[in-house]
Amino acid sequence: GPQRRLTGRRKPNAKTTFRDRLWRFLRLNPKATISRLVRLAGEGRPKQEAANAYAYLRVLKRAGVIVEMRQRAEANSPTSNGEKRWLIVTDLGPRAPVWRPAKRELFDPNSGRNITMPAVAHD
């Protein structure tokens, strides 16, 4: 059974998740593309990690933490428009915001507050 009282807080030695690493590298590179973030934070599963990164960045965008930049990164092929770039506008702190889909809110572990999301069907 439990060894101590359950507080709901993460253990300090808990394994860092992909989104924790993604947030750390996004803070270090405030203007970044998904492919660069996946290269830096990933563990070798680029397709799954790119999908996870895009979903997380979409949530952060809806919360107003990041914005999609108008100017895209340079294209890698002649038919490409270039990759979207993202910019942090509100740096919440060193610990990554946590998306809680059941409550439709973004939790900021640095301040301990919840950021409610606007009800939007599509991004």
N, C-alpha and C. Protein backbone atom coordinates (compact mmCIF):
# COMPACT_ATOMS: atom_id res chain seq x y z
N GLY A 1 0.80 -1.18 0.00
CA GLY A 1 0.00 0.00 0.00
C GLY A 1 0.85 1.25 0.00
N PRO A 2 0.22 2.41 0.09
CA PRO A 2 0.94 3.68 0.08
C PRO A 2 1.90 3.80 1.26
N GLN A 3 3.03 4.40 1.02
CA GLN A 3 4.03 4.60 2.05
C GLN A 3 3.84 5.91 2.80
N ARG A 4 3.22 6.87 2.14
CA ARG A 4 3.02 8.18 2.75
C ARG A 4 1.74 8.80 2.21
N ARG A 5 1.38 9.93 2.75
CA ARG A 5 0.16 10.61 2.31
C ARG A 5 0.26 10.99 0.83
N LEU A 6 -0.83 10.80 0.09
CA LEU A 6 -0.85 11.15 -1.33
C LEU A 6 -1.18 12.63 -1.47
N THR A 7 -0.29 13.38 -2.09
CA THR A 7 -0.49 14.81 -2.24
C THR A 7 -0.84 15.21 -3.66
N GLY A 8 -0.69 14.30 -4.60
CA GLY A 8 -0.95 14.63 -5.99
C GLY A 8 0.22 15.30 -6.67
N ARG A 9 1.30 15.51 -5.98
CA ARG A 9 2.48 16.13 -6.57
C ARG A 9 3.40 15.06 -7.14
N ARG A 10 4.15 15.44 -8.15
CA ARG A 10 5.09 14.51 -8.76
C ARG A 10 6.28 14.29 -7.84
N LYS A 11 6.80 13.09 -7.91
CA LYS A 11 8.03 12.81 -7.17
C LYS A 11 9.17 13.57 -7.83
N PRO A 12 10.14 14.07 -7.05
CA PRO A 12 11.24 14.82 -7.66
C PRO A 12 12.09 13.97 -8.60
N ASN A 13 12.12 12.68 -8.40
CA ASN A 13 12.95 11.83 -9.25
C ASN A 13 12.13 11.14 -10.34
N ALA A 14 10.93 11.64 -10.61
CA ALA A 14 10.09 11.04 -11.64
C ALA A 14 10.75 11.22 -13.00
N LYS A 15 10.56 10.25 -13.89
CA LYS A 15 11.15 10.29 -15.22
C LYS A 15 10.58 11.46 -16.01
N THR A 16 11.43 12.16 -16.73
CA THR A 16 10.95 13.27 -17.55
C THR A 16 10.25 12.70 -18.78
N THR A 17 9.16 13.33 -19.15
CA THR A 17 8.40 12.89 -20.30
C THR A 17 8.86 13.64 -21.55
N PHE A 18 8.36 13.19 -22.69
CA PHE A 18 8.68 13.86 -23.95
C PHE A 18 8.22 15.32 -23.90
N ARG A 19 7.03 15.55 -23.36
CA ARG A 19 6.52 16.93 -23.29
C ARG A 19 7.32 17.80 -22.34
N ASP A 20 7.88 17.21 -21.27
CA ASP A 20 8.77 17.96 -20.38
C ASP A 20 10.01 18.42 -21.15
N ARG A 21 10.60 17.51 -21.90
CA ARG A 21 11.79 17.85 -22.69
C ARG A 21 11.44 18.85 -23.80
N LEU A 22 10.28 18.66 -24.42
CA LEU A 22 9.84 19.56 -25.48
C LEU A 22 9.70 20.98 -24.93
N TRP A 23 9.08 21.11 -23.77
CA TRP A 23 8.91 22.43 -23.14
C TRP A 23 10.26 23.05 -22.82
N ARG A 24 11.19 22.26 -22.29
CA ARG A 24 12.52 22.78 -21.96
C ARG A 24 13.23 23.31 -23.20
N PHE A 25 13.18 22.56 -24.31
CA PHE A 25 13.85 23.01 -25.53
C PHE A 25 13.11 24.16 -26.19
N LEU A 26 11.79 24.23 -26.03
CA LEU A 26 11.04 25.37 -26.55
C LEU A 26 11.42 26.64 -25.80
N ARG A 27 11.64 26.53 -24.51
CA ARG A 27 12.08 27.70 -23.73
C ARG A 27 13.49 28.13 -24.13
N LEU A 28 14.35 27.16 -24.46
CA LEU A 28 15.72 27.49 -24.87
C LEU A 28 15.76 28.05 -26.29
N ASN A 29 14.85 27.62 -27.14
CA ASN A 29 14.75 28.08 -28.53
C ASN A 29 13.36 28.68 -28.73
N PRO A 30 13.14 29.92 -28.32
CA PRO A 30 11.79 30.48 -28.33
C PRO A 30 11.12 30.51 -29.70
N LYS A 31 11.90 30.52 -30.78
CA LYS A 31 11.35 30.45 -32.13
C LYS A 31 11.80 29.13 -32.73
N ALA A 32 10.91 28.15 -32.72
CA ALA A 32 11.32 26.81 -33.14
C ALA A 32 10.27 26.15 -34.02
N THR A 33 10.74 25.16 -34.79
CA THR A 33 9.84 24.34 -35.60
C THR A 33 9.64 23.00 -34.90
N ILE A 34 8.60 22.28 -35.30
CA ILE A 34 8.33 20.98 -34.69
C ILE A 34 9.47 20.01 -34.97
N SER A 35 9.99 20.01 -36.20
CA SER A 35 11.06 19.06 -36.52
C SER A 35 12.30 19.30 -35.67
N ARG A 36 12.63 20.56 -35.41
CA ARG A 36 13.79 20.86 -34.56
C ARG A 36 13.54 20.42 -33.12
N LEU A 37 12.34 20.68 -32.62
CA LEU A 37 12.02 20.28 -31.25
C LEU A 37 12.03 18.76 -31.10
N VAL A 38 11.51 18.05 -32.09
CA VAL A 38 11.50 16.58 -32.04
C VAL A 38 12.92 16.05 -32.11
N ARG A 39 13.76 16.68 -32.93
CA ARG A 39 15.17 16.26 -33.01
C ARG A 39 15.87 16.43 -31.67
N LEU A 40 15.60 17.53 -30.98
CA LEU A 40 16.26 17.80 -29.71
C LEU A 40 15.69 16.98 -28.55
N ALA A 41 14.36 16.85 -28.50
CA ALA A 41 13.70 16.23 -27.35
C ALA A 41 13.33 14.77 -27.57
N GLY A 42 13.40 14.31 -28.80
CA GLY A 42 12.91 12.97 -29.13
C GLY A 42 13.80 11.83 -28.68
N GLU A 43 13.20 10.65 -28.76
CA GLU A 43 13.92 9.43 -28.37
C GLU A 43 13.94 8.41 -29.49
N GLY A 44 13.78 8.85 -30.74
CA GLY A 44 13.92 7.93 -31.85
C GLY A 44 12.62 7.45 -32.48
N ARG A 45 11.49 8.05 -32.13
CA ARG A 45 10.21 7.70 -32.77
C ARG A 45 9.65 8.96 -33.41
N PRO A 46 10.24 9.42 -34.50
CA PRO A 46 9.91 10.76 -35.03
C PRO A 46 8.46 10.96 -35.42
N LYS A 47 7.79 9.96 -35.99
CA LYS A 47 6.40 10.17 -36.41
C LYS A 47 5.48 10.36 -35.21
N GLN A 48 5.60 9.47 -34.21
CA GLN A 48 4.75 9.59 -33.03
C GLN A 48 5.08 10.86 -32.25
N GLU A 49 6.37 11.18 -32.15
CA GLU A 49 6.79 12.36 -31.40
C GLU A 49 6.36 13.65 -32.10
N ALA A 50 6.38 13.66 -33.43
CA ALA A 50 5.93 14.85 -34.16
C ALA A 50 4.44 15.06 -33.95
N ALA A 51 3.66 13.99 -33.97
CA ALA A 51 2.21 14.10 -33.73
C ALA A 51 1.94 14.57 -32.31
N ASN A 52 2.68 14.03 -31.34
CA ASN A 52 2.53 14.42 -29.94
C ASN A 52 2.92 15.90 -29.78
N ALA A 53 4.02 16.31 -30.40
CA ALA A 53 4.48 17.69 -30.30
C ALA A 53 3.46 18.65 -30.90
N TYR A 54 2.90 18.28 -32.06
CA TYR A 54 1.92 19.15 -32.70
C TYR A 54 0.67 19.30 -31.84
N ALA A 55 0.19 18.19 -31.26
CA ALA A 55 -0.98 18.25 -30.39
C ALA A 55 -0.72 19.13 -29.17
N TYR A 56 0.46 18.99 -28.58
CA TYR A 56 0.81 19.79 -27.40
C TYR A 56 0.93 21.27 -27.76
N LEU A 57 1.57 21.57 -28.88
CA LEU A 57 1.72 22.96 -29.29
C LEU A 57 0.37 23.59 -29.63
N ARG A 58 -0.56 22.81 -30.19
CA ARG A 58 -1.90 23.30 -30.46
C ARG A 58 -2.61 23.71 -29.17
N VAL A 59 -2.44 22.90 -28.12
CA VAL A 59 -3.05 23.21 -26.82
C VAL A 59 -2.42 24.48 -26.24
N LEU A 60 -1.09 24.58 -26.32
CA LEU A 60 -0.41 25.77 -25.81
C LEU A 60 -0.83 27.01 -26.59
N LYS A 61 -1.07 26.85 -27.88
CA LYS A 61 -1.52 27.98 -28.71
C LYS A 61 -2.91 28.42 -28.26
N ARG A 62 -3.82 27.48 -28.06
CA ARG A 62 -5.18 27.83 -27.61
C ARG A 62 -5.17 28.51 -26.25
N ALA A 63 -4.21 28.14 -25.40
CA ALA A 63 -4.12 28.74 -24.07
C ALA A 63 -3.46 30.12 -24.10
N GLY A 64 -2.88 30.49 -25.25
CA GLY A 64 -2.22 31.78 -25.36
C GLY A 64 -0.78 31.79 -24.87
N VAL A 65 -0.19 30.61 -24.68
CA VAL A 65 1.19 30.52 -24.20
C VAL A 65 2.17 30.70 -25.35
N ILE A 66 1.81 30.18 -26.53
CA ILE A 66 2.64 30.34 -27.72
C ILE A 66 1.78 30.85 -28.86
N VAL A 67 2.43 31.35 -29.91
CA VAL A 67 1.73 31.76 -31.12
C VAL A 67 2.43 31.15 -32.32
N GLU A 68 1.66 30.98 -33.39
CA GLU A 68 2.21 30.50 -34.64
C GLU A 68 2.72 31.73 -35.39
N MET A 69 3.98 31.71 -35.78
CA MET A 69 4.57 32.86 -36.46
C MET A 69 4.10 32.92 -37.90
N ARG A 70 4.02 34.12 -38.44
CA ARG A 70 3.58 34.28 -39.83
C ARG A 70 4.65 33.79 -40.80
N GLN A 71 5.90 34.09 -40.50
CA GLN A 71 6.98 33.68 -41.40
C GLN A 71 7.37 32.23 -41.11
N ARG A 72 7.39 31.41 -42.13
CA ARG A 72 7.75 30.00 -41.98
C ARG A 72 9.25 29.82 -42.12
N ALA A 73 9.71 28.65 -41.68
CA ALA A 73 11.12 28.30 -41.84
C ALA A 73 11.39 28.03 -43.32
N GLU A 74 12.66 28.01 -43.69
CA GLU A 74 13.02 27.75 -45.09
C GLU A 74 12.55 26.37 -45.51
N ALA A 75 12.12 26.29 -46.75
CA ALA A 75 11.62 25.03 -47.29
C ALA A 75 12.77 24.07 -47.59
N ASN A 76 12.53 22.78 -47.38
CA ASN A 76 13.53 21.76 -47.67
C ASN A 76 13.41 21.23 -49.09
N SER A 77 12.27 21.45 -49.72
CA SER A 77 12.08 20.97 -51.09
C SER A 77 11.42 22.08 -51.92
N PRO A 78 11.53 21.98 -53.24
CA PRO A 78 11.01 23.07 -54.09
C PRO A 78 9.50 23.28 -53.97
N THR A 79 8.73 22.25 -53.64
CA THR A 79 7.28 22.39 -53.59
C THR A 79 6.75 22.71 -52.19
N SER A 80 7.63 22.81 -51.21
CA SER A 80 7.21 23.05 -49.83
C SER A 80 7.05 24.54 -49.55
N ASN A 81 6.09 24.87 -48.72
CA ASN A 81 5.92 26.26 -48.27
C ASN A 81 6.80 26.58 -47.08
N GLY A 82 7.47 25.59 -46.54
CA GLY A 82 8.27 25.77 -45.34
C GLY A 82 7.51 25.29 -44.12
N GLU A 83 8.22 25.08 -43.05
CA GLU A 83 7.62 24.54 -41.84
C GLU A 83 7.17 25.67 -40.92
N LYS A 84 6.05 25.43 -40.21
CA LYS A 84 5.55 26.43 -39.26
C LYS A 84 6.57 26.64 -38.16
N ARG A 85 6.63 27.90 -37.70
CA ARG A 85 7.49 28.23 -36.56
C ARG A 85 6.60 28.70 -35.42
N TRP A 86 7.01 28.39 -34.21
CA TRP A 86 6.24 28.72 -33.01
C TRP A 86 7.08 29.62 -32.12
N LEU A 87 6.42 30.54 -31.42
CA LEU A 87 7.09 31.51 -30.56
C LEU A 87 6.41 31.54 -29.20
N ILE A 88 7.20 31.44 -28.13
CA ILE A 88 6.65 31.57 -26.77
C ILE A 88 6.35 33.04 -26.51
N VAL A 89 5.12 33.32 -26.06
CA VAL A 89 4.76 34.69 -25.68
C VAL A 89 4.59 34.81 -24.17
N THR A 90 4.29 33.69 -23.50
CA THR A 90 4.16 33.67 -22.05
C THR A 90 4.99 32.52 -21.51
N ASP A 91 6.16 32.84 -20.97
CA ASP A 91 7.01 31.79 -20.39
C ASP A 91 6.50 31.49 -18.99
N LEU A 92 5.91 30.32 -18.82
CA LEU A 92 5.30 29.95 -17.54
C LEU A 92 6.30 29.49 -16.49
N GLY A 93 7.51 29.15 -16.90
CA GLY A 93 8.52 28.69 -15.96
C GLY A 93 9.16 27.40 -16.39
N PRO A 94 10.04 26.84 -15.56
CA PRO A 94 10.82 25.67 -15.97
C PRO A 94 10.03 24.37 -16.09
N ARG A 95 8.97 24.22 -15.33
CA ARG A 95 8.20 22.97 -15.40
C ARG A 95 7.14 23.08 -16.48
N ALA A 96 6.99 22.02 -17.26
CA ALA A 96 6.10 22.02 -18.42
C ALA A 96 4.63 22.08 -18.01
N PRO A 97 3.84 22.90 -18.70
CA PRO A 97 2.39 22.90 -18.47
C PRO A 97 1.81 21.53 -18.81
N VAL A 98 0.80 21.13 -18.06
CA VAL A 98 0.19 19.81 -18.22
C VAL A 98 -1.22 19.97 -18.76
N TRP A 99 -1.51 19.33 -19.89
CA TRP A 99 -2.85 19.36 -20.49
C TRP A 99 -3.70 18.30 -19.82
N ARG A 100 -4.84 18.72 -19.30
CA ARG A 100 -5.80 17.81 -18.66
C ARG A 100 -7.05 17.76 -19.53
N PRO A 101 -7.12 16.76 -20.42
CA PRO A 101 -8.23 16.74 -21.38
C PRO A 101 -9.60 16.53 -20.74
N ALA A 102 -9.69 15.77 -19.67
CA ALA A 102 -11.00 15.52 -19.04
C ALA A 102 -11.60 16.82 -18.51
N LYS A 103 -10.76 17.71 -18.01
CA LYS A 103 -11.23 18.99 -17.47
C LYS A 103 -11.13 20.11 -18.49
N ARG A 104 -10.51 19.83 -19.64
CA ARG A 104 -10.27 20.81 -20.69
C ARG A 104 -9.56 22.04 -20.14
N GLU A 105 -8.47 21.78 -19.42
CA GLU A 105 -7.69 22.88 -18.86
C GLU A 105 -6.21 22.55 -18.92
N LEU A 106 -5.43 23.60 -18.88
CA LEU A 106 -3.98 23.48 -18.87
C LEU A 106 -3.51 23.85 -17.47
N PHE A 107 -2.79 22.94 -16.83
CA PHE A 107 -2.32 23.18 -15.47
C PHE A 107 -0.89 23.68 -15.53
N ASP A 108 -0.61 24.78 -14.85
CA ASP A 108 0.74 25.32 -14.76
C ASP A 108 1.32 24.89 -13.42
N PRO A 109 2.24 23.91 -13.40
CA PRO A 109 2.81 23.44 -12.14
C PRO A 109 3.73 24.46 -11.47
N ASN A 110 4.18 25.46 -12.19
CA ASN A 110 5.05 26.49 -11.61
C ASN A 110 4.29 27.42 -10.68
N SER A 111 3.07 27.80 -11.09
CA SER A 111 2.27 28.71 -10.27
C SER A 111 1.17 27.97 -9.51
N GLY A 112 0.87 26.74 -9.94
CA GLY A 112 -0.19 25.97 -9.30
C GLY A 112 -1.58 26.35 -9.76
N ARG A 113 -1.69 27.10 -10.86
CA ARG A 113 -3.01 27.54 -11.30
C ARG A 113 -3.42 26.81 -12.59
N ASN A 114 -4.73 26.78 -12.83
CA ASN A 114 -5.28 26.17 -14.02
C ASN A 114 -5.61 27.26 -15.03
N ILE A 115 -5.32 26.97 -16.29
CA ILE A 115 -5.64 27.89 -17.37
C ILE A 115 -6.81 27.25 -18.13
N THR A 116 -7.98 27.87 -18.04
CA THR A 116 -9.14 27.29 -18.73
C THR A 116 -9.03 27.61 -20.22
N MET A 117 -9.50 26.67 -21.01
CA MET A 117 -9.36 26.79 -22.46
C MET A 117 -10.68 27.27 -23.05
N PRO A 118 -10.61 28.12 -24.07
CA PRO A 118 -11.84 28.52 -24.74
C PRO A 118 -12.43 27.32 -25.51
N ALA A 119 -13.73 27.25 -25.57
CA ALA A 119 -14.39 26.15 -26.27
C ALA A 119 -14.36 26.41 -27.76
N VAL A 120 -13.47 25.70 -28.45
CA VAL A 120 -13.34 25.82 -29.90
C VAL A 120 -13.39 24.42 -30.49
N ALA A 121 -14.19 24.25 -31.52
CA ALA A 121 -14.33 22.93 -32.15
C ALA A 121 -13.08 22.56 -32.94
N HIS A 122 -12.52 23.50 -33.71
CA HIS A 122 -11.35 23.22 -34.54
C HIS A 122 -10.35 24.34 -34.39
N ASP A 123 -9.07 23.98 -34.50
CA ASP A 123 -8.00 25.00 -34.42
C ASP A 123 -7.62 25.49 -35.79
